[in-house]
ModelCIF file with pLDDT and N, C-alpha, C, O atoms, coordinates in Angstrom:
data_MODEL
#
_entry.id   MODEL 
#
_entity.id                         1 
_entity.type                       polymer 
_entity.pdbx_number_of_molecules   1 
#
_entity_poly.entity_id                      1 
_entity_poly.type                           'polypeptide(L)' 
_entity_poly.nstd_linkage                   no 
_entity_poly.nstd_monomer                   no 
_entity_poly.pdbx_seq_one_letter_code       
;(UNK)(UNK)(UNK)(UNK)(UNK)(UNK)(UNK)(UNK)(UNK)(UNK)(UNK)(UNK)(UNK)(UNK)(UNK)(UNK)
(UNK)(UNK)(UNK)(UNK)(UNK)(UNK)(UNK)(UNK)(UNK)(UNK)(UNK)(UNK)(UNK)(UNK)(UNK)(UNK)
(UNK)(UNK)(UNK)(UNK)(UNK)(UNK)(UNK)(UNK)(UNK)(UNK)(UNK)
;
_entity_poly.pdbx_seq_one_letter_code_can   XXXXXXXXXXXXXXXXXXXXXXXXXXXXXXXXXXXXXXXXXXX 
_entity_poly.pdbx_strand_id                 A 
#
loop_
_entity_poly_seq.entity_id 
_entity_poly_seq.num 
_entity_poly_seq.mon_id 
_entity_poly_seq.hetero 
1 1  UNK n 
1 2  UNK n 
1 3  UNK n 
1 4  UNK n 
1 5  UNK n 
1 6  UNK n 
1 7  UNK n 
1 8  UNK n 
1 9  UNK n 
1 10 UNK n 
1 11 UNK n 
1 12 UNK n 
1 13 UNK n 
1 14 UNK n 
1 15 UNK n 
1 16 UNK n 
1 17 UNK n 
1 18 UNK n 
1 19 UNK n 
1 20 UNK n 
1 21 UNK n 
1 22 UNK n 
1 23 UNK n 
1 24 UNK n 
1 25 UNK n 
1 26 UNK n 
1 27 UNK n 
1 28 UNK n 
1 29 UNK n 
1 30 UNK n 
1 31 UNK n 
1 32 UNK n 
1 33 UNK n 
1 34 UNK n 
1 35 UNK n 
1 36 UNK n 
1 37 UNK n 
1 38 UNK n 
1 39 UNK n 
1 40 UNK n 
1 41 UNK n 
1 42 UNK n 
1 43 UNK n 
#
_struct_asym.id          A 
_struct_asym.entity_id   1 
#
loop_
_ma_qa_metric.id 
_ma_qa_metric.mode 
_ma_qa_metric.name 
_ma_qa_metric.software_group_id 
_ma_qa_metric.type 
1 global pLDDT . pLDDT 
2 local  pLDDT . pLDDT 
#
_ma_qa_metric_global.metric_id      1 
_ma_qa_metric_global.metric_value   89.02 
_ma_qa_metric_global.model_id       1 
_ma_qa_metric_global.ordinal_id     1 
#
loop_
_ma_qa_metric_local.label_asym_id 
_ma_qa_metric_local.label_comp_id 
_ma_qa_metric_local.label_seq_id 
_ma_qa_metric_local.metric_id 
_ma_qa_metric_local.metric_value 
_ma_qa_metric_local.model_id 
_ma_qa_metric_local.ordinal_id 
A UNK 1  2 90.00 1 1  
A UNK 2  2 90.00 1 2  
A UNK 3  2 85.00 1 3  
A UNK 4  2 86.00 1 4  
A UNK 5  2 90.00 1 5  
A UNK 6  2 93.00 1 6  
A UNK 7  2 95.00 1 7  
A UNK 8  2 95.00 1 8  
A UNK 9  2 94.00 1 9  
A UNK 10 2 92.00 1 10 
A UNK 11 2 92.00 1 11 
A UNK 12 2 92.00 1 12 
A UNK 13 2 90.00 1 13 
A UNK 14 2 88.00 1 14 
A UNK 15 2 87.00 1 15 
A UNK 16 2 86.00 1 16 
A UNK 17 2 89.00 1 17 
A UNK 18 2 93.00 1 18 
A UNK 19 2 95.00 1 19 
A UNK 20 2 96.00 1 20 
A UNK 21 2 97.00 1 21 
A UNK 22 2 97.00 1 22 
A UNK 23 2 97.00 1 23 
A UNK 24 2 96.00 1 24 
A UNK 25 2 95.00 1 25 
A UNK 26 2 88.00 1 26 
A UNK 27 2 82.00 1 27 
A UNK 28 2 83.00 1 28 
A UNK 29 2 83.00 1 29 
A UNK 30 2 84.00 1 30 
A UNK 31 2 86.00 1 31 
A UNK 32 2 85.00 1 32 
A UNK 33 2 88.00 1 33 
A UNK 34 2 88.00 1 34 
A UNK 35 2 88.00 1 35 
A UNK 36 2 85.00 1 36 
A UNK 37 2 85.00 1 37 
A UNK 38 2 85.00 1 38 
A UNK 39 2 86.00 1 39 
A UNK 40 2 84.00 1 40 
A UNK 41 2 79.00 1 41 
A UNK 42 2 82.00 1 42 
A UNK 43 2 87.00 1 43 
#
loop_
_atom_site.group_PDB 
_atom_site.id 
_atom_site.type_symbol 
_atom_site.label_atom_id 
_atom_site.label_alt_id 
_atom_site.label_comp_id 
_atom_site.label_asym_id 
_atom_site.label_entity_id 
_atom_site.label_seq_id 
_atom_site.pdbx_PDB_ins_code 
_atom_site.Cartn_x 
_atom_site.Cartn_y 
_atom_site.Cartn_z 
_atom_site.occupancy 
_atom_site.B_iso_or_equiv 
_atom_site.pdbx_formal_charge 
_atom_site.auth_seq_id 
_atom_site.auth_comp_id 
_atom_site.auth_asym_id 
_atom_site.auth_atom_id 
_atom_site.pdbx_PDB_model_num 
ATOM 1   N N  . UNK A 1 1  ? -44.361 -30.292 -25.425 1.00 90.00 ? 1  UNK A N  1 
ATOM 2   C CA . UNK A 1 1  ? -43.362 -31.097 -26.125 1.00 90.00 ? 1  UNK A CA 1 
ATOM 3   C C  . UNK A 1 1  ? -43.852 -32.475 -26.494 1.00 90.00 ? 1  UNK A C  1 
ATOM 4   O O  . UNK A 1 1  ? -43.212 -33.176 -27.278 1.00 90.00 ? 1  UNK A O  1 
ATOM 5   N N  . UNK A 1 2  ? -45.014 -32.882 -25.922 1.00 90.00 ? 2  UNK A N  1 
ATOM 6   C CA . UNK A 1 2  ? -45.542 -34.202 -26.206 1.00 90.00 ? 2  UNK A CA 1 
ATOM 7   C C  . UNK A 1 2  ? -46.030 -34.404 -27.620 1.00 90.00 ? 2  UNK A C  1 
ATOM 8   O O  . UNK A 1 2  ? -46.347 -35.530 -28.003 1.00 90.00 ? 2  UNK A O  1 
ATOM 9   N N  . UNK A 1 3  ? -46.102 -33.331 -28.419 1.00 85.00 ? 3  UNK A N  1 
ATOM 10  C CA . UNK A 1 3  ? -46.510 -33.507 -29.812 1.00 85.00 ? 3  UNK A CA 1 
ATOM 11  C C  . UNK A 1 3  ? -45.618 -34.496 -30.537 1.00 85.00 ? 3  UNK A C  1 
ATOM 12  O O  . UNK A 1 3  ? -46.100 -35.309 -31.326 1.00 85.00 ? 3  UNK A O  1 
ATOM 13  N N  . UNK A 1 4  ? -44.315 -34.432 -30.273 1.00 86.00 ? 4  UNK A N  1 
ATOM 14  C CA . UNK A 1 4  ? -43.399 -35.296 -31.003 1.00 86.00 ? 4  UNK A CA 1 
ATOM 15  C C  . UNK A 1 4  ? -42.473 -36.107 -30.090 1.00 86.00 ? 4  UNK A C  1 
ATOM 16  O O  . UNK A 1 4  ? -41.877 -37.088 -30.534 1.00 86.00 ? 4  UNK A O  1 
ATOM 17  N N  . UNK A 1 5  ? -42.350 -35.711 -28.839 1.00 90.00 ? 5  UNK A N  1 
ATOM 18  C CA . UNK A 1 5  ? -41.429 -36.432 -27.943 1.00 90.00 ? 5  UNK A CA 1 
ATOM 19  C C  . UNK A 1 5  ? -42.011 -36.481 -26.536 1.00 90.00 ? 5  UNK A C  1 
ATOM 20  O O  . UNK A 1 5  ? -41.477 -35.874 -25.608 1.00 90.00 ? 5  UNK A O  1 
ATOM 21  N N  . UNK A 1 6  ? -43.114 -37.214 -26.392 1.00 93.00 ? 6  UNK A N  1 
ATOM 22  C CA . UNK A 1 6  ? -43.708 -37.330 -25.064 1.00 93.00 ? 6  UNK A CA 1 
ATOM 23  C C  . UNK A 1 6  ? -42.768 -38.058 -24.111 1.00 93.00 ? 6  UNK A C  1 
ATOM 24  O O  . UNK A 1 6  ? -42.774 -37.801 -22.907 1.00 93.00 ? 6  UNK A O  1 
ATOM 25  N N  . UNK A 1 7  ? -41.967 -38.960 -24.648 1.00 95.00 ? 7  UNK A N  1 
ATOM 26  C CA . UNK A 1 7  ? -40.893 -39.604 -23.885 1.00 95.00 ? 7  UNK A CA 1 
ATOM 27  C C  . UNK A 1 7  ? -39.579 -39.138 -24.514 1.00 95.00 ? 7  UNK A C  1 
ATOM 28  O O  . UNK A 1 7  ? -39.227 -39.624 -25.589 1.00 95.00 ? 7  UNK A O  1 
ATOM 29  N N  . UNK A 1 8  ? -38.846 -38.222 -23.893 1.00 95.00 ? 8  UNK A N  1 
ATOM 30  C CA . UNK A 1 8  ? -37.700 -37.562 -24.542 1.00 95.00 ? 8  UNK A CA 1 
ATOM 31  C C  . UNK A 1 8  ? -36.372 -38.313 -24.460 1.00 95.00 ? 8  UNK A C  1 
ATOM 32  O O  . UNK A 1 8  ? -35.357 -37.745 -24.056 1.00 95.00 ? 8  UNK A O  1 
ATOM 33  N N  . UNK A 1 9  ? -36.381 -39.584 -24.842 1.00 94.00 ? 9  UNK A N  1 
ATOM 34  C CA . UNK A 1 9  ? -35.155 -40.390 -24.751 1.00 94.00 ? 9  UNK A CA 1 
ATOM 35  C C  . UNK A 1 9  ? -34.079 -39.928 -25.723 1.00 94.00 ? 9  UNK A C  1 
ATOM 36  O O  . UNK A 1 9  ? -32.908 -39.841 -25.353 1.00 94.00 ? 9  UNK A O  1 
ATOM 37  N N  . UNK A 1 10 ? -34.462 -39.630 -26.967 1.00 92.00 ? 10 UNK A N  1 
ATOM 38  C CA . UNK A 1 10 ? -33.458 -39.226 -27.949 1.00 92.00 ? 10 UNK A CA 1 
ATOM 39  C C  . UNK A 1 10 ? -32.830 -37.885 -27.577 1.00 92.00 ? 10 UNK A C  1 
ATOM 40  O O  . UNK A 1 10 ? -31.649 -37.652 -27.833 1.00 92.00 ? 10 UNK A O  1 
ATOM 41  N N  . UNK A 1 11 ? -33.620 -37.018 -26.977 1.00 92.00 ? 11 UNK A N  1 
ATOM 42  C CA . UNK A 1 11 ? -33.079 -35.737 -26.530 1.00 92.00 ? 11 UNK A CA 1 
ATOM 43  C C  . UNK A 1 11 ? -32.089 -35.956 -25.397 1.00 92.00 ? 11 UNK A C  1 
ATOM 44  O O  . UNK A 1 11 ? -31.043 -35.309 -25.354 1.00 92.00 ? 11 UNK A O  1 
ATOM 45  N N  . UNK A 1 12 ? -32.410 -36.864 -24.478 1.00 92.00 ? 12 UNK A N  1 
ATOM 46  C CA . UNK A 1 12 ? -31.495 -37.187 -23.382 1.00 92.00 ? 12 UNK A CA 1 
ATOM 47  C C  . UNK A 1 12 ? -30.180 -37.740 -23.925 1.00 92.00 ? 12 UNK A C  1 
ATOM 48  O O  . UNK A 1 12 ? -29.109 -37.439 -23.399 1.00 92.00 ? 12 UNK A O  1 
ATOM 49  N N  . UNK A 1 13 ? -30.267 -38.547 -24.975 1.00 90.00 ? 13 UNK A N  1 
ATOM 50  C CA . UNK A 1 13 ? -29.051 -39.057 -25.616 1.00 90.00 ? 13 UNK A CA 1 
ATOM 51  C C  . UNK A 1 13 ? -28.206 -37.907 -26.142 1.00 90.00 ? 13 UNK A C  1 
ATOM 52  O O  . UNK A 1 13 ? -26.983 -37.904 -26.002 1.00 90.00 ? 13 UNK A O  1 
ATOM 53  N N  . UNK A 1 14 ? -28.872 -36.932 -26.749 1.00 88.00 ? 14 UNK A N  1 
ATOM 54  C CA . UNK A 1 14 ? -28.157 -35.798 -27.323 1.00 88.00 ? 14 UNK A CA 1 
ATOM 55  C C  . UNK A 1 14 ? -27.480 -34.919 -26.300 1.00 88.00 ? 14 UNK A C  1 
ATOM 56  O O  . UNK A 1 14 ? -26.631 -34.098 -26.648 1.00 88.00 ? 14 UNK A O  1 
ATOM 57  N N  . UNK A 1 15 ? -27.849 -35.082 -25.028 1.00 87.00 ? 15 UNK A N  1 
ATOM 58  C CA . UNK A 1 15 ? -27.223 -34.307 -23.961 1.00 87.00 ? 15 UNK A CA 1 
ATOM 59  C C  . UNK A 1 15 ? -25.876 -34.892 -23.545 1.00 87.00 ? 15 UNK A C  1 
ATOM 60  O O  . UNK A 1 15 ? -25.193 -34.335 -22.686 1.00 87.00 ? 15 UNK A O  1 
ATOM 61  N N  . UNK A 1 16 ? -25.498 -36.004 -24.149 1.00 86.00 ? 16 UNK A N  1 
ATOM 62  C CA . UNK A 1 16 ? -24.197 -36.601 -23.843 1.00 86.00 ? 16 UNK A CA 1 
ATOM 63  C C  . UNK A 1 16 ? -24.220 -37.621 -22.733 1.00 86.00 ? 16 UNK A C  1 
ATOM 64  O O  . UNK A 1 16 ? -23.176 -37.922 -22.154 1.00 86.00 ? 16 UNK A O  1 
ATOM 65  N N  . UNK A 1 17 ? -25.390 -38.165 -22.416 1.00 89.00 ? 17 UNK A N  1 
ATOM 66  C CA . UNK A 1 17 ? -25.481 -39.143 -21.336 1.00 89.00 ? 17 UNK A CA 1 
ATOM 67  C C  . UNK A 1 17 ? -24.833 -40.466 -21.724 1.00 89.00 ? 17 UNK A C  1 
ATOM 68  O O  . UNK A 1 17 ? -24.954 -40.915 -22.863 1.00 89.00 ? 17 UNK A O  1 
ATOM 69  N N  . UNK A 1 18 ? -24.147 -41.084 -20.771 1.00 93.00 ? 18 UNK A N  1 
ATOM 70  C CA . UNK A 1 18 ? -23.626 -42.436 -20.986 1.00 93.00 ? 18 UNK A CA 1 
ATOM 71  C C  . UNK A 1 18 ? -24.755 -43.448 -20.884 1.00 93.00 ? 18 UNK A C  1 
ATOM 72  O O  . UNK A 1 18 ? -24.787 -44.438 -21.616 1.00 93.00 ? 18 UNK A O  1 
ATOM 73  N N  . UNK A 1 19 ? -25.673 -43.191 -19.974 1.00 95.00 ? 19 UNK A N  1 
ATOM 74  C CA . UNK A 1 19 ? -26.807 -44.084 -19.766 1.00 95.00 ? 19 UNK A CA 1 
ATOM 75  C C  . UNK A 1 19 ? -28.079 -43.240 -19.689 1.00 95.00 ? 19 UNK A C  1 
ATOM 76  O O  . UNK A 1 19 ? -28.150 -42.280 -18.922 1.00 95.00 ? 19 UNK A O  1 
ATOM 77  N N  . UNK A 1 20 ? -29.079 -43.607 -20.489 1.00 96.00 ? 20 UNK A N  1 
ATOM 78  C CA . UNK A 1 20 ? -30.379 -42.933 -20.452 1.00 96.00 ? 20 UNK A CA 1 
ATOM 79  C C  . UNK A 1 20 ? -31.391 -43.889 -19.835 1.00 96.00 ? 20 UNK A C  1 
ATOM 80  O O  . UNK A 1 20 ? -31.646 -44.972 -20.362 1.00 96.00 ? 20 UNK A O  1 
ATOM 81  N N  . UNK A 1 21 ? -31.961 -43.471 -18.711 1.00 97.00 ? 21 UNK A N  1 
ATOM 82  C CA . UNK A 1 21 ? -33.043 -44.226 -18.075 1.00 97.00 ? 21 UNK A CA 1 
ATOM 83  C C  . UNK A 1 21 ? -34.323 -43.449 -18.333 1.00 97.00 ? 21 UNK A C  1 
ATOM 84  O O  . UNK A 1 21 ? -34.414 -42.269 -17.994 1.00 97.00 ? 21 UNK A O  1 
ATOM 85  N N  . UNK A 1 22 ? -35.305 -44.098 -18.927 1.00 97.00 ? 22 UNK A N  1 
ATOM 86  C CA . UNK A 1 22 ? -36.551 -43.424 -19.287 1.00 97.00 ? 22 UNK A CA 1 
ATOM 87  C C  . UNK A 1 22 ? -37.705 -43.943 -18.441 1.00 97.00 ? 22 UNK A C  1 
ATOM 88  O O  . UNK A 1 22 ? -37.846 -45.149 -18.238 1.00 97.00 ? 22 UNK A O  1 
ATOM 89  N N  . UNK A 1 23 ? -38.524 -43.025 -17.951 1.00 97.00 ? 23 UNK A N  1 
ATOM 90  C CA . UNK A 1 23 ? -39.729 -43.372 -17.201 1.00 97.00 ? 23 UNK A CA 1 
ATOM 91  C C  . UNK A 1 23 ? -40.941 -43.017 -18.055 1.00 97.00 ? 23 UNK A C  1 
ATOM 92  O O  . UNK A 1 23 ? -41.181 -41.845 -18.344 1.00 97.00 ? 23 UNK A O  1 
ATOM 93  N N  . UNK A 1 24 ? -41.699 -44.024 -18.454 1.00 96.00 ? 24 UNK A N  1 
ATOM 94  C CA . UNK A 1 24 ? -42.868 -43.860 -19.318 1.00 96.00 ? 24 UNK A CA 1 
ATOM 95  C C  . UNK A 1 24 ? -44.135 -44.149 -18.516 1.00 96.00 ? 24 UNK A C  1 
ATOM 96  O O  . UNK A 1 24 ? -44.208 -45.159 -17.817 1.00 96.00 ? 24 UNK A O  1 
ATOM 97  N N  . UNK A 1 25 ? -45.128 -43.271 -18.614 1.00 95.00 ? 25 UNK A N  1 
ATOM 98  C CA . UNK A 1 25 ? -46.349 -43.459 -17.821 1.00 95.00 ? 25 UNK A CA 1 
ATOM 99  C C  . UNK A 1 25 ? -47.615 -43.504 -18.670 1.00 95.00 ? 25 UNK A C  1 
ATOM 100 O O  . UNK A 1 25 ? -48.718 -43.431 -18.128 1.00 95.00 ? 25 UNK A O  1 
ATOM 101 N N  . UNK A 1 26 ? -47.480 -43.621 -19.978 1.00 88.00 ? 26 UNK A N  1 
ATOM 102 C CA . UNK A 1 26 ? -48.664 -43.657 -20.828 1.00 88.00 ? 26 UNK A CA 1 
ATOM 103 C C  . UNK A 1 26 ? -49.371 -45.007 -20.755 1.00 88.00 ? 26 UNK A C  1 
ATOM 104 O O  . UNK A 1 26 ? -48.795 -46.007 -20.326 1.00 88.00 ? 26 UNK A O  1 
ATOM 105 N N  . UNK A 1 27 ? -50.616 -45.012 -21.178 1.00 82.00 ? 27 UNK A N  1 
ATOM 106 C CA . UNK A 1 27 ? -51.456 -46.206 -21.127 1.00 82.00 ? 27 UNK A CA 1 
ATOM 107 C C  . UNK A 1 27 ? -51.052 -47.216 -22.186 1.00 82.00 ? 27 UNK A C  1 
ATOM 108 O O  . UNK A 1 27 ? -50.795 -46.856 -23.335 1.00 82.00 ? 27 UNK A O  1 
ATOM 109 N N  . UNK A 1 28 ? -50.995 -48.491 -21.793 1.00 83.00 ? 28 UNK A N  1 
ATOM 110 C CA . UNK A 1 28 ? -50.727 -49.567 -22.748 1.00 83.00 ? 28 UNK A CA 1 
ATOM 111 C C  . UNK A 1 28 ? -51.999 -49.858 -23.532 1.00 83.00 ? 28 UNK A C  1 
ATOM 112 O O  . UNK A 1 28 ? -53.104 -49.749 -23.001 1.00 83.00 ? 28 UNK A O  1 
ATOM 113 N N  . UNK A 1 29 ? -51.836 -50.229 -24.797 1.00 83.00 ? 29 UNK A N  1 
ATOM 114 C CA . UNK A 1 29 ? -52.990 -50.511 -25.641 1.00 83.00 ? 29 UNK A CA 1 
ATOM 115 C C  . UNK A 1 29 ? -53.434 -51.952 -25.427 1.00 83.00 ? 29 UNK A C  1 
ATOM 116 O O  . UNK A 1 29 ? -52.718 -52.897 -25.761 1.00 83.00 ? 29 UNK A O  1 
ATOM 117 N N  . UNK A 1 30 ? -54.618 -52.099 -24.867 1.00 84.00 ? 30 UNK A N  1 
ATOM 118 C CA . UNK A 1 30 ? -55.194 -53.417 -24.608 1.00 84.00 ? 30 UNK A CA 1 
ATOM 119 C C  . UNK A 1 30 ? -56.634 -53.437 -25.109 1.00 84.00 ? 30 UNK A C  1 
ATOM 120 O O  . UNK A 1 30 ? -57.280 -52.391 -25.166 1.00 84.00 ? 30 UNK A O  1 
ATOM 121 N N  . UNK A 1 31 ? -57.151 -54.625 -25.477 1.00 86.00 ? 31 UNK A N  1 
ATOM 122 C CA . UNK A 1 31 ? -58.543 -54.692 -25.947 1.00 86.00 ? 31 UNK A CA 1 
ATOM 123 C C  . UNK A 1 31 ? -59.517 -54.196 -24.882 1.00 86.00 ? 31 UNK A C  1 
ATOM 124 O O  . UNK A 1 31 ? -59.351 -54.476 -23.695 1.00 86.00 ? 31 UNK A O  1 
ATOM 125 N N  . UNK A 1 32 ? -60.524 -53.463 -25.318 1.00 85.00 ? 32 UNK A N  1 
ATOM 126 C CA . UNK A 1 32 ? -61.553 -52.960 -24.404 1.00 85.00 ? 32 UNK A CA 1 
ATOM 127 C C  . UNK A 1 32 ? -62.922 -53.221 -25.011 1.00 85.00 ? 32 UNK A C  1 
ATOM 128 O O  . UNK A 1 32 ? -63.042 -53.477 -26.209 1.00 85.00 ? 32 UNK A O  1 
ATOM 129 N N  . UNK A 1 33 ? -63.947 -53.154 -24.182 1.00 88.00 ? 33 UNK A N  1 
ATOM 130 C CA . UNK A 1 33 ? -65.314 -53.395 -24.642 1.00 88.00 ? 33 UNK A CA 1 
ATOM 131 C C  . UNK A 1 33 ? -65.807 -52.236 -25.504 1.00 88.00 ? 33 UNK A C  1 
ATOM 132 O O  . UNK A 1 33 ? -65.577 -51.071 -25.177 1.00 88.00 ? 33 UNK A O  1 
ATOM 133 N N  . UNK A 1 34 ? -66.480 -52.556 -26.596 1.00 88.00 ? 34 UNK A N  1 
ATOM 134 C CA . UNK A 1 34 ? -66.974 -51.523 -27.507 1.00 88.00 ? 34 UNK A CA 1 
ATOM 135 C C  . UNK A 1 34 ? -67.940 -50.556 -26.846 1.00 88.00 ? 34 UNK A C  1 
ATOM 136 O O  . UNK A 1 34 ? -68.020 -49.392 -27.237 1.00 88.00 ? 34 UNK A O  1 
ATOM 137 N N  . UNK A 1 35 ? -68.673 -51.028 -25.849 1.00 88.00 ? 35 UNK A N  1 
ATOM 138 C CA . UNK A 1 35 ? -69.672 -50.169 -25.210 1.00 88.00 ? 35 UNK A CA 1 
ATOM 139 C C  . UNK A 1 35 ? -69.039 -48.940 -24.552 1.00 88.00 ? 35 UNK A C  1 
ATOM 140 O O  . UNK A 1 35 ? -69.726 -47.949 -24.305 1.00 88.00 ? 35 UNK A O  1 
ATOM 141 N N  . UNK A 1 36 ? -67.730 -49.000 -24.265 1.00 85.00 ? 36 UNK A N  1 
ATOM 142 C CA . UNK A 1 36 ? -67.060 -47.858 -23.644 1.00 85.00 ? 36 UNK A CA 1 
ATOM 143 C C  . UNK A 1 36 ? -67.081 -46.628 -24.544 1.00 85.00 ? 36 UNK A C  1 
ATOM 144 O O  . UNK A 1 36 ? -67.034 -45.497 -24.059 1.00 85.00 ? 36 UNK A O  1 
ATOM 145 N N  . UNK A 1 37 ? -67.151 -46.849 -25.852 1.00 85.00 ? 37 UNK A N  1 
ATOM 146 C CA . UNK A 1 37 ? -67.029 -45.741 -26.788 1.00 85.00 ? 37 UNK A CA 1 
ATOM 147 C C  . UNK A 1 37 ? -68.354 -45.029 -27.044 1.00 85.00 ? 37 UNK A C  1 
ATOM 148 O O  . UNK A 1 37 ? -68.458 -44.219 -27.965 1.00 85.00 ? 37 UNK A O  1 
ATOM 149 N N  . UNK A 1 38 ? -69.365 -45.329 -26.232 1.00 85.00 ? 38 UNK A N  1 
ATOM 150 C CA . UNK A 1 38 ? -70.587 -44.534 -26.244 1.00 85.00 ? 38 UNK A CA 1 
ATOM 151 C C  . UNK A 1 38 ? -70.376 -43.253 -25.459 1.00 85.00 ? 38 UNK A C  1 
ATOM 152 O O  . UNK A 1 38 ? -71.185 -42.328 -25.520 1.00 85.00 ? 38 UNK A O  1 
ATOM 153 N N  . UNK A 1 39 ? -69.275 -43.214 -24.719 1.00 86.00 ? 39 UNK A N  1 
ATOM 154 C CA . UNK A 1 39 ? -68.885 -42.021 -23.973 1.00 86.00 ? 39 UNK A CA 1 
ATOM 155 C C  . UNK A 1 39 ? -67.865 -41.235 -24.784 1.00 86.00 ? 39 UNK A C  1 
ATOM 156 O O  . UNK A 1 39 ? -66.860 -41.784 -25.238 1.00 86.00 ? 39 UNK A O  1 
ATOM 157 N N  . UNK A 1 40 ? -68.136 -39.929 -24.964 1.00 84.00 ? 40 UNK A N  1 
ATOM 158 C CA . UNK A 1 40 ? -67.201 -39.091 -25.721 1.00 84.00 ? 40 UNK A CA 1 
ATOM 159 C C  . UNK A 1 40 ? -65.843 -39.036 -25.033 1.00 84.00 ? 40 UNK A C  1 
ATOM 160 O O  . UNK A 1 40 ? -64.805 -39.053 -25.694 1.00 84.00 ? 40 UNK A O  1 
ATOM 161 N N  . UNK A 1 41 ? -65.852 -38.972 -23.716 1.00 79.00 ? 41 UNK A N  1 
ATOM 162 C CA . UNK A 1 41 ? -64.606 -38.907 -22.963 1.00 79.00 ? 41 UNK A CA 1 
ATOM 163 C C  . UNK A 1 41 ? -63.766 -40.151 -23.210 1.00 79.00 ? 41 UNK A C  1 
ATOM 164 O O  . UNK A 1 41 ? -62.567 -40.049 -23.468 1.00 79.00 ? 41 UNK A O  1 
ATOM 165 N N  . UNK A 1 42 ? -64.390 -41.330 -23.133 1.00 82.00 ? 42 UNK A N  1 
ATOM 166 C CA . UNK A 1 42 ? -63.655 -42.572 -23.367 1.00 82.00 ? 42 UNK A CA 1 
ATOM 167 C C  . UNK A 1 42 ? -63.131 -42.654 -24.788 1.00 82.00 ? 42 UNK A C  1 
ATOM 168 O O  . UNK A 1 42 ? -62.034 -43.161 -25.024 1.00 82.00 ? 42 UNK A O  1 
ATOM 169 N N  . UNK A 1 43 ? -63.915 -42.154 -25.736 1.00 87.00 ? 43 UNK A N  1 
ATOM 170 C CA . UNK A 1 43 ? -63.492 -42.172 -27.132 1.00 87.00 ? 43 UNK A CA 1 
ATOM 171 C C  . UNK A 1 43 ? -62.255 -41.308 -27.331 1.00 87.00 ? 43 UNK A C  1 
ATOM 172 O O  . UNK A 1 43 ? -61.751 -41.200 -28.449 1.00 87.00 ? 43 UNK A O  1 
#
C-alpha cells in the first residue's frame, strides 16, 4: 500500500474517525555528503 499511501491518514479519515493520530517513521530529508552516493545501497 506504500505506493500511494505509506502514511494512511486520509483512509483513516474515511473510516469515520473523530480524531486521526498518525505515526510516521520515514527518514527526514537532510543534506548528506556526496561521497555517500558511491555506494549503490546508499543511492
